[in-house]
Amino acid sequence: MDRIHSPSSINLYKKCARKYYLRYVKRIPSPPNVYMVRGTILHSVLEKFFDTDLKGISFENYETTFKARLQELALKAWQENKKLLDSFILTDDEIKSYFNQIIMMALNWFDLFNHRIKLFSQDLFENAFEKLKPIREKRYYSPYYRVQGYIDAVENLNGSVRIMDYKTSSDVKISEEYKLQLAIYALLYFEEHGKLPDKVGIYFVRADGISEELIHVGQELLDYAKNEILEIKEKTLSEKEDDYPKTKEFNRNCRWGSGQCEYYEMCFGQKKLADFNALDKPIVQEEDFGVF
């Protein structure tokens, strides 16, 4: 079947073909975890921040107002996800820690925003804010490559277009997996607009700071995305389980220090596909399961 792919599905296949099969062919979603929810909350905060009503806000009072706004958005998003968070059976200290992490991440991101908006201090505040407002959570889709992706932020900074993604992991460098994600985003942008973005990159937002890593976009990056997409499309036409071999048990993607893959028992234990089908379906993430 010719599925609609995404950076997530392509990278998952490259990690483990069997896990790809279980998630995208058999449609067994990955169960949520507290780190995923923490990232979802932060994404919501940074997206909705730019919808802030600017009435009464100026260069004289924006810092205090915006910091309060970020904390207000974080609390609201936390409450909206409370039922899911409660399902993780966290201690009071853990709940407090995760919430405080979100607040610190949002405030660290604000430090970067604050530095940038001060560069436009000669403008009216509303105009300065508008210059920094990105296009947020935009879905891009290429009917030719049958690939889609939701881009966190498309920025236009002084005429330079940047496609940016937010990451809340402990990473501080663009891995090969992240590079492929960004390359596909650049290709999707090119397919829709007929021109290349100038750069793609990642904001690594952590509780102890924030950093940004950028990649210049050129034909080489686009060719990289095209080749990877076409290769995975060819390998994922089958519906047969045997065409998606599982990795060896010692692979670090199967077991890691804090646990194991959600499909580990199916691959190496006694559970069967029927056991998973009987489970209540958890949240389906982002662009999962696109099929035309």
Protein backbone atom coordinates (compact mmCIF):
# COMPACT_ATOMS: atom_id res chain seq x y z
CA MET A 1 0.00 0.00 0.00
CA ASP A 2 1.27 3.46 -0.88
CA ARG A 3 1.11 5.18 2.50
CA ILE A 4 1.59 8.82 3.30
CA HIS A 5 4.91 9.00 5.09
CA SER A 6 6.31 11.52 7.53
CA PRO A 7 9.72 12.24 9.03
CA SER A 8 8.62 10.21 12.05
CA SER A 9 7.59 7.13 10.08
CA ILE A 10 10.68 7.22 7.86
CA ASN A 11 13.04 7.54 10.81
CA LEU A 12 11.19 4.78 12.64
CA TYR A 13 11.63 2.39 9.70
CA LYS A 14 15.35 3.17 9.62
CA LYS A 15 15.57 2.30 13.34
CA CYS A 16 13.45 -0.84 13.24
CA ALA A 17 11.42 -2.20 10.34
CA ARG A 18 9.32 -4.41 12.64
CA LYS A 19 8.37 -1.50 14.86
CA TYR A 20 7.37 0.43 11.74
CA TYR A 21 5.19 -2.52 10.72
CA LEU A 22 3.44 -2.69 14.08
CA ARG A 23 2.78 1.03 14.27
CA TYR A 24 2.05 1.99 10.68
CA VAL A 25 0.84 -1.21 9.02
CA LYS A 26 -0.99 -2.85 11.94
CA ARG A 27 -1.76 0.58 13.41
CA ILE A 28 -0.85 -0.11 17.01
CA PRO A 29 -0.05 3.36 18.38
CA SER A 30 2.78 4.05 20.75
CA PRO A 31 1.42 4.67 24.28
CA PRO A 32 2.05 8.16 25.64
CA ASN A 33 4.63 8.84 28.34
CA VAL A 34 5.30 11.76 30.62
CA TYR A 35 8.14 13.09 28.45
CA MET A 36 5.91 13.14 25.39
CA VAL A 37 3.21 15.00 27.33
CA ARG A 38 5.77 17.46 28.68
CA GLY A 39 6.87 18.21 25.12
CA THR A 40 3.26 18.51 23.93
CA ILE A 41 2.52 21.03 26.68
CA LEU A 42 5.56 23.15 25.85
CA HIS A 43 4.68 23.11 22.13
CA SER A 44 1.18 24.31 23.01
CA VAL A 45 2.56 27.10 25.19
CA LEU A 46 4.94 28.41 22.52
CA GLU A 47 2.29 28.17 19.81
CA LYS A 48 -0.39 30.04 21.75
CA PHE A 49 2.02 32.63 23.13
CA PHE A 50 1.97 34.41 19.78
CA ASP A 51 -1.82 34.79 20.01
CA THR A 52 -1.42 37.03 23.06
CA ASP A 53 -3.59 40.13 23.01
CA LEU A 54 -1.13 43.03 22.84
CA LYS A 55 -3.55 45.67 24.11
CA GLY A 56 -1.81 47.69 26.81
CA ILE A 57 1.55 45.97 26.25
CA SER A 58 4.60 48.06 25.38
CA PHE A 59 8.37 47.91 25.51
CA GLU A 60 8.08 49.28 29.05
CA ASN A 61 6.04 46.41 30.51
CA TYR A 62 6.18 43.46 28.12
CA GLU A 63 8.74 41.35 30.01
CA THR A 64 6.69 40.93 33.19
CA THR A 65 3.47 40.56 31.21
CA PHE A 66 4.84 37.94 28.82
CA LYS A 67 6.47 35.87 31.56
CA ALA A 68 3.17 35.76 33.40
CA ARG A 69 1.42 34.84 30.15
CA LEU A 70 3.76 31.91 29.54
CA GLN A 71 3.15 30.56 33.03
CA GLU A 72 -0.60 30.99 32.59
CA LEU A 73 -0.50 29.05 29.31
CA ALA A 74 1.61 26.32 30.91
CA LEU A 75 -0.85 25.88 33.78
CA LYS A 76 -3.81 25.76 31.39
CA ALA A 77 -2.14 23.17 29.13
CA TRP A 78 -1.13 21.12 32.18
CA GLN A 79 -4.73 21.08 33.40
CA GLU A 80 -5.96 20.09 29.94
CA ASN A 81 -3.64 17.08 30.07
CA LYS A 82 -4.31 16.26 33.73
CA LYS A 83 -6.29 13.09 33.05
CA LEU A 84 -3.46 11.69 30.97
CA LEU A 85 -0.83 12.82 33.47
CA ASP A 86 -2.75 11.16 36.30
CA SER A 87 -2.58 7.87 34.40
CA PHE A 88 1.21 7.82 34.87
CA ILE A 89 0.79 7.51 38.67
CA LEU A 90 3.38 10.15 39.52
CA THR A 91 4.34 11.17 43.04
CA ASP A 92 3.63 14.71 44.21
CA ASP A 93 7.33 15.51 43.94
CA GLU A 94 7.47 14.16 40.38
CA ILE A 95 4.40 16.18 39.37
CA LYS A 96 5.94 19.32 40.81
CA SER A 97 9.26 18.59 39.09
CA TYR A 98 7.77 18.03 35.63
CA PHE A 99 5.60 21.14 35.88
CA ASN A 100 8.55 23.23 37.02
CA GLN A 101 10.58 21.88 34.09
CA ILE A 102 7.93 23.15 31.69
CA ILE A 103 7.94 26.58 33.33
CA MET A 104 11.74 26.79 33.14
CA MET A 105 11.76 25.65 29.51
CA ALA A 106 9.21 28.32 28.60
CA LEU A 107 11.14 31.04 30.42
CA ASN A 108 14.42 29.97 28.83
CA TRP A 109 12.77 30.19 25.43
CA PHE A 110 11.54 33.66 26.40
CA ASP A 111 15.13 34.77 27.04
CA LEU A 112 15.85 34.13 23.36
CA PHE A 113 12.67 35.90 22.26
CA ASN A 114 13.48 38.79 24.58
CA HIS A 115 16.91 39.25 23.03
CA ARG A 116 15.41 39.36 19.55
CA ILE A 117 12.54 41.73 20.19
CA LYS A 118 14.90 44.26 21.75
CA LEU A 119 16.59 44.54 18.34
CA PHE A 120 13.39 46.21 17.12
CA SER A 121 12.99 48.59 20.04
CA GLN A 122 12.78 51.58 17.67
CA ASP A 123 9.55 50.17 16.20
CA LEU A 124 6.08 50.22 17.65
CA PHE A 125 5.82 47.24 19.97
CA GLU A 126 3.02 45.64 17.93
CA ASN A 127 5.17 45.86 14.78
CA ALA A 128 8.21 44.38 16.53
CA PHE A 129 6.11 41.49 17.86
CA GLU A 130 4.66 40.84 14.41
CA LYS A 131 8.13 40.60 12.89
CA LEU A 132 8.99 37.77 15.28
CA LYS A 133 5.69 35.91 14.95
CA PRO A 134 6.28 32.64 13.05
CA ILE A 135 3.85 30.54 11.08
CA ARG A 136 3.06 27.85 13.64
CA GLU A 137 2.13 24.17 13.46
CA LYS A 138 1.60 24.31 9.71
CA ARG A 139 0.91 21.09 7.85
CA TYR A 140 2.91 20.66 4.66
CA TYR A 141 2.10 17.89 2.21
CA SER A 142 3.75 16.80 -1.02
CA PRO A 143 1.36 14.83 -3.28
CA TYR A 144 4.29 13.81 -5.48
CA TYR A 145 6.38 12.29 -2.69
CA ARG A 146 3.32 11.49 -0.55
CA VAL A 147 5.00 12.86 2.53
CA GLN A 148 3.60 15.23 5.13
CA GLY A 149 4.87 16.99 8.19
CA TYR A 150 3.76 19.49 10.81
CA ILE A 151 6.35 22.23 11.17
CA ASP A 152 6.59 23.91 14.57
CA ALA A 153 7.71 27.31 13.32
CA VAL A 154 8.40 28.94 9.97
CA GLU A 155 10.26 32.15 10.77
CA ASN A 156 11.05 35.11 8.57
CA LEU A 157 13.83 37.03 10.27
CA ASN A 158 14.88 40.05 8.23
CA GLY A 159 14.02 38.26 4.99
CA SER A 160 15.72 35.00 5.95
CA VAL A 161 13.29 32.07 6.07
CA ARG A 162 14.04 29.48 8.75
CA ILE A 163 12.18 26.26 9.45
CA MET A 164 12.53 25.46 13.15
CA ASP A 165 11.53 22.52 15.32
CA TYR A 166 11.30 22.44 19.12
CA LYS A 167 12.97 19.57 20.96
CA THR A 168 12.75 19.04 24.71
CA SER A 169 15.13 16.10 24.91
CA SER A 170 18.58 16.31 26.46
CA ASP A 171 20.17 16.49 23.01
CA VAL A 172 22.14 19.57 22.06
CA LYS A 173 23.28 18.62 18.55
CA ILE A 174 21.50 17.74 15.34
CA SER A 175 21.69 13.98 14.99
CA GLU A 176 21.34 12.12 11.70
CA GLU A 177 17.70 11.45 12.60
CA TYR A 178 17.03 15.15 13.18
CA LYS A 179 18.93 16.06 10.02
CA LEU A 180 16.65 13.84 7.94
CA GLN A 181 13.57 15.34 9.58
CA LEU A 182 14.78 18.85 8.76
CA ALA A 183 15.76 17.85 5.21
CA ILE A 184 12.23 16.55 4.61
CA TYR A 185 10.78 19.78 6.01
CA ALA A 186 12.95 21.76 3.60
CA LEU A 187 11.73 19.60 0.70
CA LEU A 188 8.08 20.05 1.73
CA TYR A 189 8.56 23.81 1.94
CA PHE A 190 10.17 23.83 -1.51
CA GLU A 191 7.36 21.72 -2.97
CA GLU A 192 4.72 24.17 -1.72
CA HIS A 193 6.45 27.50 -2.25
CA GLY A 194 8.79 26.78 -5.16
CA LYS A 195 11.77 28.17 -3.30
CA LEU A 196 14.14 26.93 -0.64
CA PRO A 197 14.10 28.09 2.96
CA ASP A 198 17.43 29.64 3.88
CA LYS A 199 18.01 27.45 6.92
CA VAL A 200 16.46 24.66 8.92
CA GLY A 201 17.17 24.04 12.55
CA ILE A 202 16.19 22.99 16.02
CA TYR A 203 15.60 24.85 19.25
CA PHE A 204 16.84 22.56 21.99
CA VAL A 205 14.69 23.79 24.88
CA ARG A 206 15.71 22.46 28.27
CA ALA A 207 15.07 23.38 31.88
CA ASP A 208 18.69 24.48 32.23
CA GLY A 209 18.93 26.56 29.05
CA ILE A 210 18.20 26.84 25.36
CA SER A 211 20.31 26.57 22.24
CA GLU A 212 19.65 26.63 18.52
CA GLU A 213 21.40 24.57 15.87
CA LEU A 214 21.05 25.44 12.18
CA ILE A 215 21.75 23.81 8.82
CA HIS A 216 22.09 25.77 5.59
CA VAL A 217 19.67 24.53 2.94
CA GLY A 218 21.03 23.64 -0.48
CA GLN A 219 20.42 21.14 -3.25
CA GLU A 220 22.44 18.49 -1.44
CA LEU A 221 20.07 18.54 1.53
CA LEU A 222 17.04 18.27 -0.76
CA ASP A 223 18.57 15.36 -2.66
CA TYR A 224 19.23 13.63 0.66
CA ALA A 225 15.55 13.93 1.60
CA LYS A 226 14.34 12.74 -1.81
CA ASN A 227 16.58 9.68 -1.84
CA GLU A 228 15.59 8.63 1.68
CA ILE A 229 11.88 9.09 0.98
CA LEU A 230 11.95 7.07 -2.24
CA GLU A 231 13.96 4.28 -0.65
CA ILE A 232 11.58 3.90 2.30
CA LYS A 233 8.49 4.14 0.08
CA GLU A 234 9.77 1.21 -1.96
CA LYS A 235 10.48 -0.85 1.15
CA THR A 236 7.11 -0.25 2.80
CA LEU A 237 4.67 -1.22 0.04
CA SER A 238 4.19 -4.70 1.50
CA GLU A 239 1.54 -5.66 4.06
CA LYS A 240 3.37 -8.83 5.07
CA GLU A 241 5.00 -9.05 8.48
CA ASP A 242 7.96 -11.07 7.18
CA ASP A 243 8.94 -8.14 4.95
CA TYR A 244 9.59 -6.08 8.08
CA PRO A 245 12.28 -8.03 9.99
CA LYS A 246 12.76 -7.33 13.66
CA THR A 247 16.11 -6.26 15.00
CA LYS A 248 18.25 -8.46 17.20
CA GLU A 249 17.42 -8.51 20.89
CA PHE A 250 20.57 -6.72 21.95
CA ASN A 251 19.80 -3.68 19.80
CA ARG A 252 19.69 -0.56 21.97
CA ASN A 253 16.35 0.43 20.40
CA CYS A 254 14.79 -2.70 21.96
CA ARG A 255 16.04 -2.25 25.51
CA TRP A 256 17.54 0.77 27.17
CA GLY A 257 18.49 1.93 30.62
CA SER A 258 15.03 3.09 31.68
CA GLY A 259 12.90 0.42 30.07
CA GLN A 260 12.18 -1.24 26.77
CA CYS A 261 10.37 -0.76 23.49
CA GLU A 262 6.57 -0.87 23.81
CA TYR A 263 6.50 -3.80 21.38
CA TYR A 264 9.29 -5.74 23.06
CA GLU A 265 7.02 -8.43 24.47
CA MET A 266 5.55 -9.04 21.04
CA CYS A 267 8.97 -9.47 19.48
CA PHE A 268 10.78 -11.36 22.23
CA GLY A 269 8.14 -12.36 24.78
CA GLN A 270 4.88 -14.25 24.79
CA LYS A 271 2.44 -11.56 23.72
CA LYS A 272 0.80 -11.84 20.34
CA LEU A 273 -0.70 -9.29 18.01
CA ALA A 274 -4.20 -10.11 19.31
CA ASP A 275 -3.14 -9.07 22.81
CA PHE A 276 -2.22 -5.63 21.54
CA ASN A 277 -5.34 -5.28 19.43
CA ALA A 278 -7.42 -5.89 22.55
CA LEU A 279 -5.90 -2.92 24.35
CA ASP A 280 -7.62 0.44 24.48
CA LYS A 281 -6.06 2.55 21.77
CA PRO A 282 -3.87 5.32 23.24
CA ILE A 283 -3.46 8.71 21.65
CA VAL A 284 -2.54 8.61 17.99
CA GLN A 285 0.40 10.89 17.50
CA GLU A 286 0.75 13.67 14.90
CA GLU A 287 0.69 12.47 11.31
CA ASP A 288 0.44 8.76 12.08
CA PHE A 289 -1.45 6.36 9.88
CA GLY A 290 -1.96 8.52 6.81
CA VAL A 291 -3.22 6.37 3.94
CA PHE A 292 -4.89 7.39 0.68
